Amino acid sequence: MNISKAELSTSIGIVLRDLRLAENKSIETLSNEIDIGYSQLSRIERGKINTSIYQLYRILSVLRIPMDTFLEILKMTIIKQRKSKRRSKRKKRKNEKGK
C-alpha cells in the first residue's frame, strides 16, 4: 500500500484521537500521563507533526491498546478514507457532467 507521509500522519492522528475518546480521556489528561505537551499531542492527533515509534508506544500503552491492534485499526482507517475520497471524486465528476 503506497501512502504519503501526510496521509499517514493524518490517519495516525485520527486513530489516536478515536482511541483516546473511546477511553473518555481528554487530550490534557493523556498528555500529562505520557509526559508530553498538550499542544504536541494535539498536533499529532491533527496530523500536523509526525511522532516517533517510542512516543506512539507510550500513547498506546496508556490507552491499553496493543501495537498490532493499532496497526490493524490504522490500516482499516486508511482504506476507509481512500474509499471516501474516491466516492467524493466520482460524485464531483458526475455533478460537473450534469452542468
N, C-alpha and C. Protein backbone atom coordinates (compact mmCIF):
# COMPACT_ATOMS: atom_id res chain seq x y z
N MET A 1 0.85 -1.17 0.00
CA MET A 1 0.00 0.00 0.00
C MET A 1 0.90 1.23 0.00
N ASN A 2 0.81 2.01 -1.06
CA ASN A 2 1.55 3.27 -1.12
C ASN A 2 0.77 4.33 -0.36
N ILE A 3 1.51 5.08 0.44
CA ILE A 3 0.86 6.13 1.24
C ILE A 3 1.82 7.29 1.42
N SER A 4 1.30 8.47 1.32
CA SER A 4 2.15 9.65 1.52
C SER A 4 2.37 9.88 3.02
N LYS A 5 3.39 10.63 3.31
CA LYS A 5 3.70 10.98 4.70
C LYS A 5 2.53 11.73 5.33
N ALA A 6 1.94 12.65 4.58
CA ALA A 6 0.82 13.44 5.09
C ALA A 6 -0.40 12.57 5.36
N GLU A 7 -0.69 11.66 4.44
CA GLU A 7 -1.85 10.78 4.61
C GLU A 7 -1.65 9.87 5.83
N LEU A 8 -0.42 9.37 6.01
CA LEU A 8 -0.13 8.50 7.15
C LEU A 8 -0.25 9.28 8.46
N SER A 9 0.31 10.47 8.51
CA SER A 9 0.24 11.30 9.73
C SER A 9 -1.20 11.61 10.10
N THR A 10 -1.99 11.96 9.09
CA THR A 10 -3.40 12.27 9.33
C THR A 10 -4.15 11.05 9.84
N SER A 11 -3.90 9.90 9.23
CA SER A 11 -4.59 8.67 9.64
C SER A 11 -4.19 8.24 11.05
N ILE A 12 -2.92 8.34 11.37
CA ILE A 12 -2.46 8.02 12.73
C ILE A 12 -3.17 8.93 13.73
N GLY A 13 -3.23 10.21 13.42
CA GLY A 13 -3.89 11.16 14.31
C GLY A 13 -5.36 10.83 14.52
N ILE A 14 -6.06 10.49 13.44
CA ILE A 14 -7.48 10.14 13.55
C ILE A 14 -7.67 8.94 14.46
N VAL A 15 -6.86 7.92 14.27
CA VAL A 15 -6.99 6.71 15.08
C VAL A 15 -6.66 7.01 16.54
N LEU A 16 -5.59 7.73 16.79
CA LEU A 16 -5.22 8.05 18.18
C LEU A 16 -6.32 8.85 18.88
N ARG A 17 -6.87 9.84 18.18
CA ARG A 17 -7.96 10.64 18.77
C ARG A 17 -9.17 9.76 19.08
N ASP A 18 -9.55 8.89 18.13
CA ASP A 18 -10.69 8.00 18.36
C ASP A 18 -10.45 7.07 19.54
N LEU A 19 -9.24 6.55 19.66
CA LEU A 19 -8.91 5.65 20.78
C LEU A 19 -8.93 6.41 22.10
N ARG A 20 -8.40 7.63 22.09
CA ARG A 20 -8.40 8.45 23.30
C ARG A 20 -9.83 8.75 23.75
N LEU A 21 -10.65 9.14 22.81
CA LEU A 21 -12.04 9.46 23.14
C LEU A 21 -12.81 8.22 23.61
N ALA A 22 -12.48 7.06 23.06
CA ALA A 22 -13.13 5.82 23.50
C ALA A 22 -12.81 5.50 24.96
N GLU A 23 -11.67 6.00 25.42
CA GLU A 23 -11.27 5.83 26.82
C GLU A 23 -11.75 6.99 27.69
N ASN A 24 -12.51 7.91 27.10
CA ASN A 24 -13.02 9.09 27.81
C ASN A 24 -11.89 9.91 28.46
N LYS A 25 -10.79 10.03 27.73
CA LYS A 25 -9.66 10.82 28.23
C LYS A 25 -9.61 12.13 27.45
N SER A 26 -9.36 13.20 28.17
CA SER A 26 -9.14 14.47 27.49
C SER A 26 -7.72 14.47 26.94
N ILE A 27 -7.48 15.36 26.02
CA ILE A 27 -6.15 15.49 25.46
C ILE A 27 -5.16 15.93 26.54
N GLU A 28 -5.63 16.75 27.45
CA GLU A 28 -4.78 17.22 28.55
C GLU A 28 -4.41 16.07 29.49
N THR A 29 -5.38 15.25 29.82
CA THR A 29 -5.13 14.10 30.71
C THR A 29 -4.12 13.15 30.09
N LEU A 30 -4.34 12.80 28.83
CA LEU A 30 -3.42 11.87 28.17
C LEU A 30 -2.03 12.47 28.04
N SER A 31 -1.93 13.72 27.68
CA SER A 31 -0.61 14.34 27.54
C SER A 31 0.13 14.35 28.88
N ASN A 32 -0.59 14.57 29.97
CA ASN A 32 0.04 14.52 31.30
C ASN A 32 0.50 13.11 31.65
N GLU A 33 -0.30 12.11 31.28
CA GLU A 33 0.05 10.71 31.60
C GLU A 33 1.27 10.23 30.84
N ILE A 34 1.49 10.76 29.66
CA ILE A 34 2.66 10.33 28.89
C ILE A 34 3.78 11.36 28.91
N ASP A 35 3.56 12.45 29.65
CA ASP A 35 4.57 13.49 29.87
C ASP A 35 5.05 14.15 28.57
N ILE A 36 4.06 14.54 27.75
CA ILE A 36 4.38 15.40 26.61
C ILE A 36 3.44 16.59 26.67
N GLY A 37 3.78 17.62 25.96
CA GLY A 37 2.96 18.82 25.97
C GLY A 37 1.60 18.60 25.32
N TYR A 38 0.62 19.31 25.86
CA TYR A 38 -0.74 19.28 25.33
C TYR A 38 -0.74 19.62 23.85
N SER A 39 -0.03 20.67 23.48
CA SER A 39 -0.03 21.13 22.09
C SER A 39 0.64 20.11 21.17
N GLN A 40 1.66 19.42 21.68
CA GLN A 40 2.32 18.40 20.86
C GLN A 40 1.36 17.26 20.57
N LEU A 41 0.65 16.78 21.57
CA LEU A 41 -0.32 15.71 21.37
C LEU A 41 -1.43 16.16 20.43
N SER A 42 -1.86 17.40 20.58
CA SER A 42 -2.89 17.94 19.70
C SER A 42 -2.42 17.95 18.25
N ARG A 43 -1.17 18.34 18.02
CA ARG A 43 -0.63 18.37 16.65
C ARG A 43 -0.48 16.97 16.09
N ILE A 44 -0.14 15.99 16.93
CA ILE A 44 -0.07 14.59 16.48
C ILE A 44 -1.46 14.13 16.04
N GLU A 45 -2.46 14.41 16.87
CA GLU A 45 -3.82 13.98 16.55
C GLU A 45 -4.38 14.65 15.30
N ARG A 46 -3.93 15.85 15.02
CA ARG A 46 -4.40 16.56 13.82
C ARG A 46 -3.55 16.24 12.60
N GLY A 47 -2.53 15.39 12.77
CA GLY A 47 -1.68 15.00 11.66
C GLY A 47 -0.73 16.09 11.21
N LYS A 48 -0.49 17.06 12.08
CA LYS A 48 0.38 18.19 11.73
C LYS A 48 1.85 17.88 11.93
N ILE A 49 2.14 16.94 12.82
CA ILE A 49 3.53 16.53 13.03
C ILE A 49 3.59 15.01 13.09
N ASN A 50 4.76 14.49 12.78
CA ASN A 50 4.99 13.05 12.89
C ASN A 50 5.38 12.74 14.32
N THR A 51 5.18 11.51 14.70
CA THR A 51 5.59 11.10 16.04
C THR A 51 6.52 9.91 15.91
N SER A 52 7.33 9.70 16.92
CA SER A 52 8.25 8.57 16.91
C SER A 52 7.52 7.29 17.31
N ILE A 53 8.12 6.19 16.99
CA ILE A 53 7.56 4.89 17.40
C ILE A 53 7.50 4.82 18.92
N TYR A 54 8.52 5.35 19.58
CA TYR A 54 8.55 5.34 21.04
C TYR A 54 7.38 6.14 21.61
N GLN A 55 7.13 7.33 21.06
CA GLN A 55 6.02 8.17 21.53
C GLN A 55 4.69 7.46 21.27
N LEU A 56 4.56 6.84 20.11
CA LEU A 56 3.36 6.09 19.77
C LEU A 56 3.16 4.94 20.76
N TYR A 57 4.24 4.24 21.06
CA TYR A 57 4.19 3.14 22.02
C TYR A 57 3.71 3.64 23.39
N ARG A 58 4.22 4.78 23.83
CA ARG A 58 3.82 5.34 25.13
C ARG A 58 2.33 5.69 25.15
N ILE A 59 1.86 6.31 24.07
CA ILE A 59 0.44 6.66 23.98
C ILE A 59 -0.42 5.41 24.03
N LEU A 60 -0.06 4.43 23.20
CA LEU A 60 -0.84 3.19 23.14
C LEU A 60 -0.81 2.42 24.47
N SER A 61 0.31 2.48 25.16
CA SER A 61 0.41 1.80 26.46
C SER A 61 -0.57 2.38 27.47
N VAL A 62 -0.65 3.70 27.52
CA VAL A 62 -1.59 4.36 28.44
C VAL A 62 -3.03 4.04 28.05
N LEU A 63 -3.28 3.95 26.75
CA LEU A 63 -4.63 3.63 26.27
C LEU A 63 -4.93 2.12 26.30
N ARG A 64 -3.92 1.34 26.67
CA ARG A 64 -4.05 -0.13 26.76
C ARG A 64 -4.44 -0.75 25.40
N ILE A 65 -3.77 -0.29 24.36
CA ILE A 65 -4.01 -0.80 23.02
C ILE A 65 -2.71 -1.44 22.52
N PRO A 66 -2.72 -2.73 22.20
CA PRO A 66 -1.52 -3.36 21.64
C PRO A 66 -1.16 -2.76 20.28
N MET A 67 0.12 -2.72 19.99
CA MET A 67 0.59 -2.13 18.74
C MET A 67 -0.03 -2.83 17.53
N ASP A 68 -0.14 -4.15 17.56
CA ASP A 68 -0.70 -4.85 16.41
C ASP A 68 -2.18 -4.49 16.19
N THR A 69 -2.89 -4.28 17.27
CA THR A 69 -4.29 -3.85 17.17
C THR A 69 -4.35 -2.45 16.56
N PHE A 70 -3.49 -1.57 17.03
CA PHE A 70 -3.43 -0.21 16.48
C PHE A 70 -3.15 -0.24 14.99
N LEU A 71 -2.19 -1.05 14.57
CA LEU A 71 -1.82 -1.10 13.16
C LEU A 71 -2.98 -1.63 12.30
N GLU A 72 -3.72 -2.58 12.82
CA GLU A 72 -4.89 -3.09 12.08
C GLU A 72 -5.97 -2.01 11.96
N ILE A 73 -6.22 -1.29 13.05
CA ILE A 73 -7.20 -0.19 13.01
C ILE A 73 -6.72 0.88 12.03
N LEU A 74 -5.43 1.19 12.06
CA LEU A 74 -4.85 2.18 11.16
C LEU A 74 -5.05 1.77 9.71
N LYS A 75 -4.78 0.52 9.40
CA LYS A 75 -4.95 0.01 8.04
C LYS A 75 -6.41 0.18 7.59
N MET A 76 -7.34 -0.19 8.44
CA MET A 76 -8.76 -0.08 8.09
C MET A 76 -9.18 1.38 7.91
N THR A 77 -8.62 2.26 8.72
CA THR A 77 -8.91 3.69 8.62
C THR A 77 -8.42 4.25 7.29
N ILE A 78 -7.22 3.87 6.89
CA ILE A 78 -6.66 4.33 5.62
C ILE A 78 -7.52 3.85 4.46
N ILE A 79 -7.92 2.58 4.49
CA ILE A 79 -8.77 2.03 3.43
C ILE A 79 -10.09 2.78 3.37
N LYS A 80 -10.68 3.03 4.52
CA LYS A 80 -11.97 3.75 4.58
C LYS A 80 -11.82 5.17 4.03
N GLN A 81 -10.76 5.87 4.40
CA GLN A 81 -10.54 7.23 3.92
C GLN A 81 -10.35 7.26 2.41
N ARG A 82 -9.63 6.29 1.88
CA ARG A 82 -9.40 6.24 0.43
C ARG A 82 -10.70 5.97 -0.32
N LYS A 83 -11.53 5.09 0.20
CA LYS A 83 -12.82 4.82 -0.44
C LYS A 83 -13.68 6.07 -0.43
N SER A 84 -13.66 6.78 0.68
CA SER A 84 -14.44 8.01 0.79
C SER A 84 -13.96 9.06 -0.21
N LYS A 85 -12.65 9.18 -0.37
CA LYS A 85 -12.10 10.14 -1.33
C LYS A 85 -12.49 9.77 -2.75
N ARG A 86 -12.44 8.48 -3.09
CA ARG A 86 -12.83 8.05 -4.43
C ARG A 86 -14.30 8.35 -4.70
N ARG A 87 -15.15 8.09 -3.70
CA ARG A 87 -16.58 8.39 -3.86
C ARG A 87 -16.80 9.88 -4.08
N SER A 88 -16.09 10.70 -3.32
CA SER A 88 -16.22 12.16 -3.46
C SER A 88 -15.79 12.61 -4.85
N LYS A 89 -14.71 12.04 -5.36
CA LYS A 89 -14.24 12.41 -6.69
C LYS A 89 -15.26 12.00 -7.76
N ARG A 90 -15.80 10.79 -7.63
CA ARG A 90 -16.81 10.33 -8.60
C ARG A 90 -18.04 11.23 -8.56
N LYS A 91 -18.48 11.58 -7.37
CA LYS A 91 -19.65 12.43 -7.21
C LYS A 91 -19.39 13.81 -7.83
N LYS A 92 -18.19 14.34 -7.61
CA LYS A 92 -17.84 15.64 -8.14
C LYS A 92 -17.84 15.60 -9.68
N ARG A 93 -17.24 14.55 -10.26
CA ARG A 93 -17.24 14.41 -11.71
C ARG A 93 -18.65 14.27 -12.27
N LYS A 94 -19.48 13.52 -11.57
CA LYS A 94 -20.87 13.32 -12.00
C LYS A 94 -21.61 14.67 -11.99
N ASN A 95 -21.40 15.44 -10.94
CA ASN A 95 -22.04 16.77 -10.83
C ASN A 95 -21.53 17.71 -11.92
N GLU A 96 -20.25 17.64 -12.23
CA GLU A 96 -19.69 18.51 -13.27
C GLU A 96 -20.23 18.14 -14.65
N LYS A 97 -20.46 16.86 -14.91
CA LYS A 97 -21.02 16.42 -16.18
C LYS A 97 -22.47 16.88 -16.34
N GLY A 98 -23.17 16.95 -15.23
CA GLY A 98 -24.58 17.34 -15.26
C GLY A 98 -24.80 18.82 -15.49
N LYS A 99 -23.76 19.62 -15.38
CA LYS A 99 -23.91 21.08 -15.53
C LYS A 99 -23.88 21.49 -16.98
